[in-house]
Amino acid sequence: MSEPKQINFTIVPDDEQHPWRTYANFCAISHTPFDFTLSFCEVQPLSPRDIEAAEADHLVKAPVRAKIVLPLQVVPNLIAALQEHMKVFSEST
């Protein structure tokens, strides 16, 4: 029997299928024993009425712009990639 062939490749996003971007300035994170869920929200400045309501019930609702569920195995690589990009960003400013 022949040995399996190893193929090295790079995965790149295909922006032609979904060229849109979604803005979010808040991310809520939850998890189960199997995955992490990142809920990206857009929080607008609060009106005086919104502030009063938030003071009363300690709750501000923000619309979810995207919800991403990641298998547990992906999370360490995501953290490492974010840390590396943050390092490069910090050094360039």
N, C-alpha and C. Protein backbone atom coordinates (compact mmCIF):
# COMPACT_ATOMS: atom_id res chain seq x y z
N MET A 1 0.84 -1.18 0.00
CA MET A 1 0.00 0.00 0.00
C MET A 1 0.89 1.24 0.00
N SER A 2 0.54 2.24 -0.78
CA SER A 2 1.34 3.45 -0.83
C SER A 2 1.04 4.36 0.35
N GLU A 3 2.04 5.13 0.71
CA GLU A 3 1.86 6.06 1.83
C GLU A 3 1.03 7.26 1.38
N PRO A 4 0.23 7.83 2.31
CA PRO A 4 -0.54 9.02 1.93
C PRO A 4 0.41 10.17 1.60
N LYS A 5 0.05 10.93 0.61
CA LYS A 5 0.84 12.07 0.17
C LYS A 5 0.47 13.29 1.03
N GLN A 6 1.49 14.00 1.50
CA GLN A 6 1.24 15.23 2.27
C GLN A 6 1.23 16.41 1.32
N ILE A 7 0.20 17.24 1.46
CA ILE A 7 0.09 18.43 0.62
C ILE A 7 0.05 19.65 1.53
N ASN A 8 0.94 20.60 1.27
CA ASN A 8 0.94 21.86 2.01
C ASN A 8 0.15 22.88 1.20
N PHE A 9 -0.71 23.65 1.89
CA PHE A 9 -1.50 24.63 1.18
C PHE A 9 -1.80 25.81 2.10
N THR A 10 -2.23 26.90 1.51
CA THR A 10 -2.63 28.10 2.23
C THR A 10 -4.09 28.37 1.94
N ILE A 11 -4.85 28.65 2.98
CA ILE A 11 -6.26 28.99 2.82
C ILE A 11 -6.37 30.51 2.79
N VAL A 12 -7.05 31.04 1.79
CA VAL A 12 -7.26 32.49 1.68
C VAL A 12 -8.75 32.77 1.55
N PRO A 13 -9.22 33.88 2.12
CA PRO A 13 -10.64 34.22 1.99
C PRO A 13 -11.01 34.52 0.54
N ASP A 14 -12.18 34.10 0.14
CA ASP A 14 -12.70 34.38 -1.20
C ASP A 14 -13.70 35.52 -1.08
N ASP A 15 -13.21 36.76 -1.14
CA ASP A 15 -14.06 37.93 -0.94
C ASP A 15 -15.02 38.17 -2.09
N GLU A 16 -14.85 37.48 -3.20
CA GLU A 16 -15.75 37.70 -4.33
C GLU A 16 -17.16 37.20 -4.03
N GLN A 17 -17.29 36.16 -3.20
CA GLN A 17 -18.61 35.64 -2.89
C GLN A 17 -19.35 36.52 -1.88
N HIS A 18 -18.64 37.08 -0.92
CA HIS A 18 -19.25 37.93 0.11
C HIS A 18 -18.38 39.16 0.33
N PRO A 19 -18.48 40.15 -0.54
CA PRO A 19 -17.59 41.31 -0.45
C PRO A 19 -17.96 42.30 0.66
N TRP A 20 -19.08 42.09 1.36
CA TRP A 20 -19.53 43.03 2.37
C TRP A 20 -18.78 42.83 3.68
N ARG A 21 -18.76 43.88 4.46
CA ARG A 21 -18.17 43.83 5.79
C ARG A 21 -19.22 44.28 6.78
N THR A 22 -19.12 43.82 8.00
CA THR A 22 -20.06 44.19 9.05
C THR A 22 -19.28 44.82 10.18
N TYR A 23 -19.75 45.98 10.63
CA TYR A 23 -19.09 46.69 11.73
C TYR A 23 -19.65 46.22 13.07
N ALA A 24 -18.76 45.99 14.02
CA ALA A 24 -19.17 45.64 15.38
C ALA A 24 -18.16 46.27 16.33
N ASN A 25 -18.65 46.82 17.43
CA ASN A 25 -17.75 47.43 18.41
C ASN A 25 -17.89 46.76 19.78
N PHE A 26 -18.50 45.58 19.81
CA PHE A 26 -18.63 44.82 21.05
C PHE A 26 -18.71 43.34 20.70
N CYS A 27 -18.09 42.51 21.50
CA CYS A 27 -18.15 41.07 21.27
C CYS A 27 -18.44 40.36 22.58
N ALA A 28 -19.55 39.66 22.63
CA ALA A 28 -19.89 38.84 23.79
C ALA A 28 -19.44 37.41 23.49
N ILE A 29 -18.82 36.77 24.47
CA ILE A 29 -18.29 35.42 24.26
C ILE A 29 -18.95 34.46 25.25
N SER A 30 -19.39 33.32 24.74
CA SER A 30 -19.91 32.26 25.59
C SER A 30 -19.31 30.95 25.09
N HIS A 31 -19.45 29.91 25.89
CA HIS A 31 -18.89 28.62 25.47
C HIS A 31 -19.66 27.46 26.06
N THR A 32 -19.51 26.33 25.41
CA THR A 32 -20.00 25.05 25.90
C THR A 32 -18.75 24.17 26.03
N PRO A 33 -18.88 22.94 26.47
CA PRO A 33 -17.71 22.07 26.50
C PRO A 33 -17.14 21.76 25.10
N PHE A 34 -17.90 22.11 24.04
CA PHE A 34 -17.50 21.74 22.69
C PHE A 34 -17.12 22.90 21.78
N ASP A 35 -17.62 24.11 22.07
CA ASP A 35 -17.36 25.23 21.17
C ASP A 35 -17.44 26.57 21.89
N PHE A 36 -16.95 27.59 21.20
CA PHE A 36 -17.04 28.97 21.66
C PHE A 36 -17.95 29.72 20.70
N THR A 37 -18.79 30.60 21.23
CA THR A 37 -19.65 31.44 20.41
C THR A 37 -19.27 32.89 20.61
N LEU A 38 -18.97 33.56 19.51
CA LEU A 38 -18.65 34.99 19.53
C LEU A 38 -19.83 35.72 18.91
N SER A 39 -20.48 36.57 19.69
CA SER A 39 -21.61 37.37 19.20
C SER A 39 -21.13 38.80 19.04
N PHE A 40 -21.01 39.23 17.80
CA PHE A 40 -20.54 40.58 17.50
C PHE A 40 -21.73 41.52 17.41
N CYS A 41 -21.68 42.61 18.18
CA CYS A 41 -22.79 43.56 18.27
C CYS A 41 -22.32 44.96 17.92
N GLU A 42 -23.27 45.80 17.56
CA GLU A 42 -23.00 47.21 17.34
C GLU A 42 -23.73 48.01 18.41
N VAL A 43 -22.96 48.64 19.28
CA VAL A 43 -23.53 49.42 20.38
C VAL A 43 -23.51 50.89 19.98
N GLN A 44 -24.68 51.48 19.89
CA GLN A 44 -24.81 52.90 19.55
C GLN A 44 -24.73 53.74 20.83
N PRO A 45 -24.38 55.02 20.70
CA PRO A 45 -24.42 55.89 21.89
C PRO A 45 -25.83 55.88 22.48
N LEU A 46 -25.89 55.90 23.80
CA LEU A 46 -27.18 55.80 24.49
C LEU A 46 -27.82 57.18 24.65
N SER A 47 -29.12 57.23 24.45
CA SER A 47 -29.88 58.45 24.70
C SER A 47 -30.12 58.57 26.20
N PRO A 48 -30.53 59.75 26.66
CA PRO A 48 -30.85 59.88 28.09
C PRO A 48 -31.89 58.86 28.56
N ARG A 49 -32.87 58.57 27.71
CA ARG A 49 -33.89 57.58 28.07
C ARG A 49 -33.28 56.18 28.17
N ASP A 50 -32.37 55.85 27.24
CA ASP A 50 -31.68 54.55 27.29
C ASP A 50 -30.85 54.43 28.57
N ILE A 51 -30.21 55.52 28.95
CA ILE A 51 -29.38 55.51 30.17
C ILE A 51 -30.25 55.28 31.40
N GLU A 52 -31.38 55.95 31.45
CA GLU A 52 -32.31 55.76 32.58
C GLU A 52 -32.76 54.30 32.66
N ALA A 53 -33.11 53.73 31.52
CA ALA A 53 -33.55 52.33 31.50
C ALA A 53 -32.42 51.40 31.92
N ALA A 54 -31.21 51.69 31.48
CA ALA A 54 -30.06 50.85 31.84
C ALA A 54 -29.75 50.95 33.33
N GLU A 55 -29.92 52.13 33.89
CA GLU A 55 -29.70 52.29 35.33
C GLU A 55 -30.74 51.51 36.13
N ALA A 56 -31.95 51.40 35.59
CA ALA A 56 -33.02 50.71 36.31
C ALA A 56 -32.86 49.20 36.27
N ASP A 57 -32.59 48.66 35.08
CA ASP A 57 -32.52 47.19 34.98
C ASP A 57 -31.13 46.65 34.67
N HIS A 58 -30.12 47.53 34.62
CA HIS A 58 -28.72 47.14 34.38
C HIS A 58 -28.57 46.30 33.10
N LEU A 59 -29.27 46.73 32.04
CA LEU A 59 -29.28 46.00 30.80
C LEU A 59 -29.31 46.96 29.62
N VAL A 60 -28.43 46.73 28.66
CA VAL A 60 -28.44 47.49 27.40
C VAL A 60 -28.48 46.46 26.29
N LYS A 61 -29.50 46.49 25.46
CA LYS A 61 -29.60 45.57 24.34
C LYS A 61 -28.88 46.16 23.13
N ALA A 62 -28.10 45.31 22.47
CA ALA A 62 -27.38 45.73 21.27
C ALA A 62 -27.67 44.72 20.17
N PRO A 63 -27.94 45.19 18.96
CA PRO A 63 -28.24 44.26 17.87
C PRO A 63 -27.02 43.42 17.50
N VAL A 64 -27.26 42.12 17.34
CA VAL A 64 -26.19 41.21 16.92
C VAL A 64 -26.00 41.36 15.42
N ARG A 65 -24.77 41.64 15.01
CA ARG A 65 -24.44 41.80 13.59
C ARG A 65 -23.92 40.51 12.99
N ALA A 66 -23.29 39.67 13.82
CA ALA A 66 -22.81 38.36 13.37
C ALA A 66 -22.60 37.48 14.58
N LYS A 67 -22.87 36.20 14.41
CA LYS A 67 -22.65 35.24 15.47
C LYS A 67 -21.82 34.10 14.87
N ILE A 68 -20.66 33.88 15.46
CA ILE A 68 -19.72 32.87 14.94
C ILE A 68 -19.54 31.79 16.00
N VAL A 69 -19.74 30.54 15.62
CA VAL A 69 -19.52 29.41 16.52
C VAL A 69 -18.25 28.71 16.05
N LEU A 70 -17.28 28.60 16.98
CA LEU A 70 -15.99 27.99 16.65
C LEU A 70 -15.79 26.70 17.43
N PRO A 71 -15.33 25.64 16.76
CA PRO A 71 -15.00 24.44 17.52
C PRO A 71 -13.83 24.74 18.45
N LEU A 72 -13.81 24.08 19.57
CA LEU A 72 -12.79 24.32 20.60
C LEU A 72 -11.37 24.26 20.04
N GLN A 73 -11.12 23.38 19.08
CA GLN A 73 -9.78 23.20 18.53
C GLN A 73 -9.27 24.44 17.79
N VAL A 74 -10.16 25.30 17.32
CA VAL A 74 -9.77 26.49 16.56
C VAL A 74 -9.37 27.65 17.48
N VAL A 75 -9.88 27.68 18.69
CA VAL A 75 -9.73 28.82 19.59
C VAL A 75 -8.27 29.15 19.91
N PRO A 76 -7.40 28.21 20.27
CA PRO A 76 -6.00 28.58 20.56
C PRO A 76 -5.31 29.24 19.38
N ASN A 77 -5.56 28.77 18.16
CA ASN A 77 -4.94 29.39 16.98
C ASN A 77 -5.50 30.79 16.75
N LEU A 78 -6.80 30.98 17.01
CA LEU A 78 -7.39 32.31 16.88
C LEU A 78 -6.75 33.28 17.87
N ILE A 79 -6.59 32.84 19.11
CA ILE A 79 -5.96 33.69 20.13
C ILE A 79 -4.54 34.04 19.72
N ALA A 80 -3.78 33.06 19.27
CA ALA A 80 -2.39 33.30 18.85
C ALA A 80 -2.33 34.28 17.68
N ALA A 81 -3.23 34.11 16.70
CA ALA A 81 -3.24 35.01 15.54
C ALA A 81 -3.61 36.43 15.95
N LEU A 82 -4.59 36.58 16.82
CA LEU A 82 -4.97 37.92 17.30
C LEU A 82 -3.82 38.57 18.06
N GLN A 83 -3.13 37.79 18.91
CA GLN A 83 -2.00 38.34 19.66
C GLN A 83 -0.88 38.78 18.71
N GLU A 84 -0.60 37.98 17.69
CA GLU A 84 0.44 38.33 16.73
C GLU A 84 0.08 39.59 15.96
N HIS A 85 -1.17 39.68 15.50
CA HIS A 85 -1.59 40.88 14.77
C HIS A 85 -1.59 42.11 15.68
N MET A 86 -1.96 41.93 16.94
CA MET A 86 -1.94 43.06 17.88
C MET A 86 -0.52 43.53 18.12
N LYS A 87 0.42 42.60 18.19
CA LYS A 87 1.84 42.93 18.38
C LYS A 87 2.34 43.74 17.19
N VAL A 88 2.06 43.26 15.98
CA VAL A 88 2.49 43.97 14.77
C VAL A 88 1.84 45.35 14.71
N PHE A 89 0.56 45.44 15.02
CA PHE A 89 -0.15 46.72 15.03
C PHE A 89 0.49 47.69 16.03
N SER A 90 0.76 47.20 17.24
CA SER A 90 1.34 48.05 18.30
C SER A 90 2.71 48.56 17.91
N GLU A 91 3.49 47.72 17.25
CA GLU A 91 4.85 48.12 16.85
C GLU A 91 4.84 49.10 15.69
N SER A 92 3.75 49.12 14.92
CA SER A 92 3.69 50.01 13.75
C SER A 92 3.13 51.39 14.08
N THR A 93 2.59 51.56 15.29
CA THR A 93 2.01 52.86 15.65
C THR A 93 2.96 53.66 16.50
